[in-house]
Amino acid sequence: MDLALVEVCTQYCLMLIGNDHIRNSIMVPDGHRAVFSTGHATLDGLAQLTHELVALRNDIMKENERSFTKLSEARVEY
């Protein structure tokens, strides 16, 4: 579940980076301004967030890989 959430967030951020029309149309909850407007969220900040999400996704995958390796080596004695 953790990986799925991180993956969806990462893909959404990547889509926003690549599509300025959608990115610029996102409004704050009360609708009084765009999220990505002067003095507020920036494309650079979005890129940094995306970079961190990718790093988190990779860390989770490495953690799962170690767990899977340990599980495959586990032996159950009867």
C-alpha atoms as a PDB file:
ATOM      1  CA  MET A   1       0.000   0.000   0.000  1.00  0.00           C
ATOM      2  CA  ASP A   2       2.780   2.447   0.892  1.00  0.00           C
ATOM      3  CA  LEU A   3       4.459   1.929  -2.446  1.00  0.00           C
ATOM      4  CA  ALA A   4       1.201   2.348  -4.383  1.00  0.00           C
ATOM      5  CA  LEU A   5       0.497   5.697  -2.707  1.00  0.00           C
ATOM      6  CA  VAL A   6       4.023   6.961  -3.325  1.00  0.00           C
ATOM      7  CA  GLU A   7       3.863   5.769  -6.943  1.00  0.00           C
ATOM      8  CA  VAL A   8       0.562   7.557  -7.613  1.00  0.00           C
ATOM      9  CA  CYS A   9       1.868  10.770  -6.023  1.00  0.00           C
ATOM     10  CA  THR A  10       5.080  10.554  -8.049  1.00  0.00           C
ATOM     11  CA  GLN A  11       3.198  10.021 -11.312  1.00  0.00           C
ATOM     12  CA  TYR A  12       0.849  12.926 -10.522  1.00  0.00           C
ATOM     13  CA  CYS A  13       3.767  15.263  -9.827  1.00  0.00           C
ATOM     14  CA  LEU A  14       5.514  14.154 -13.026  1.00  0.00           C
ATOM     15  CA  MET A  15       2.309  14.849 -14.956  1.00  0.00           C
ATOM     16  CA  LEU A  16       2.105  18.331 -13.421  1.00  0.00           C
ATOM     17  CA  ILE A  17       5.719  19.043 -14.329  1.00  0.00           C
ATOM     18  CA  GLY A  18       5.040  18.101 -17.940  1.00  0.00           C
ATOM     19  CA  ASN A  19       1.666  19.829 -18.337  1.00  0.00           C
ATOM     20  CA  ASP A  20       1.706  23.536 -17.540  1.00  0.00           C
ATOM     21  CA  HIS A  21      -1.976  23.943 -18.485  1.00  0.00           C
ATOM     22  CA  ILE A  22      -3.134  21.528 -15.775  1.00  0.00           C
ATOM     23  CA  ARG A  23      -0.502  22.745 -13.303  1.00  0.00           C
ATOM     24  CA  ASN A  24      -1.574  26.371 -13.710  1.00  0.00           C
ATOM     25  CA  SER A  25      -5.283  25.531 -13.415  1.00  0.00           C
ATOM     26  CA  ILE A  26      -5.025  24.050  -9.892  1.00  0.00           C
ATOM     27  CA  MET A  27      -6.617  26.374  -7.354  1.00  0.00           C
ATOM     28  CA  VAL A  28      -6.271  26.566  -3.572  1.00  0.00           C
ATOM     29  CA  PRO A  29      -9.260  25.050  -1.717  1.00  0.00           C
ATOM     30  CA  ASP A  30     -11.128  28.360  -1.291  1.00  0.00           C
ATOM     31  CA  GLY A  31     -10.554  29.168  -4.985  1.00  0.00           C
ATOM     32  CA  HIS A  32      -9.092  32.652  -4.519  1.00  0.00           C
ATOM     33  CA  ARG A  33      -5.788  31.975  -6.313  1.00  0.00           C
ATOM     34  CA  ALA A  34      -3.865  29.402  -8.282  1.00  0.00           C
ATOM     35  CA  VAL A  35      -1.533  27.120  -6.312  1.00  0.00           C
ATOM     36  CA  PHE A  36       1.287  27.781  -8.774  1.00  0.00           C
ATOM     37  CA  SER A  37       1.255  31.575  -8.789  1.00  0.00           C
ATOM     38  CA  THR A  38       3.832  34.267  -8.139  1.00  0.00           C
ATOM     39  CA  GLY A  39       5.108  34.060  -4.580  1.00  0.00           C
ATOM     40  CA  HIS A  40       3.635  30.636  -3.940  1.00  0.00           C
ATOM     41  CA  ALA A  41       4.338  27.096  -5.192  1.00  0.00           C
ATOM     42  CA  THR A  42       6.925  26.900  -7.969  1.00  0.00           C
ATOM     43  CA  LEU A  43       7.883  24.463 -10.681  1.00  0.00           C
ATOM     44  CA  ASP A  44      11.293  24.145  -9.000  1.00  0.00           C
ATOM     45  CA  GLY A  45       9.624  23.223  -5.715  1.00  0.00           C
ATOM     46  CA  LEU A  46       7.468  20.669  -7.516  1.00  0.00           C
ATOM     47  CA  ALA A  47      10.583  19.196  -9.134  1.00  0.00           C
ATOM     48  CA  GLN A  48      12.267  18.939  -5.706  1.00  0.00           C
ATOM     49  CA  LEU A  49       9.199  17.227  -4.241  1.00  0.00           C
ATOM     50  CA  THR A  50       9.119  14.812  -7.173  1.00  0.00           C
ATOM     51  CA  HIS A  51      12.811  14.030  -6.699  1.00  0.00           C
ATOM     52  CA  GLU A  52      12.170  13.215  -3.020  1.00  0.00           C
ATOM     53  CA  LEU A  53       9.188  11.025  -3.908  1.00  0.00           C
ATOM     54  CA  VAL A  54      11.327   9.062  -6.376  1.00  0.00           C
ATOM     55  CA  ALA A  55      13.998   8.626  -3.685  1.00  0.00           C
ATOM     56  CA  LEU A  56      11.340   7.450  -1.211  1.00  0.00           C
ATOM     57  CA  ARG A  57       9.933   5.004  -3.766  1.00  0.00           C
ATOM     58  CA  ASN A  58      13.421   3.599  -4.339  1.00  0.00           C
ATOM     59  CA  ASP A  59      14.035   3.277  -0.586  1.00  0.00           C
ATOM     60  CA  ILE A  60      10.758   1.399  -0.136  1.00  0.00           C
ATOM     61  CA  MET A  61      11.629  -0.921  -3.021  1.00  0.00           C
ATOM     62  CA  LYS A  62      15.062  -1.632  -1.516  1.00  0.00           C
ATOM     63  CA  GLU A  63      13.478  -2.318   1.871  1.00  0.00           C
ATOM     64  CA  ASN A  64      10.946  -4.685   0.302  1.00  0.00           C
ATOM     65  CA  GLU A  65      13.674  -6.381  -1.701  1.00  0.00           C
ATOM     66  CA  ARG A  66      15.618  -7.103   1.496  1.00  0.00           C
ATOM     67  CA  SER A  67      12.457  -8.460   3.141  1.00  0.00           C
ATOM     68  CA  PHE A  68      11.714 -10.673   0.160  1.00  0.00           C
ATOM     69  CA  THR A  69      15.268 -12.017   0.217  1.00  0.00           C
ATOM     70  CA  LYS A  70      14.996 -12.852   3.906  1.00  0.00           C
ATOM     71  CA  LEU A  71      11.628 -14.528   3.396  1.00  0.00           C
ATOM     72  CA  SER A  72      12.971 -16.676   0.574  1.00  0.00           C
ATOM     73  CA  GLU A  73      15.779 -17.813   2.842  1.00  0.00           C
ATOM     74  CA  ALA A  74      13.479 -18.574   5.771  1.00  0.00           C
ATOM     75  CA  ARG A  75      13.086 -22.210   6.728  1.00  0.00           C
ATOM     76  CA  VAL A  76      10.268 -23.669   8.722  1.00  0.00           C
ATOM     77  CA  GLU A  77      11.054 -26.742  10.757  1.00  0.00           C
ATOM     78  CA  TYR A  78       8.252 -29.059  11.826  1.00  0.00           C
END
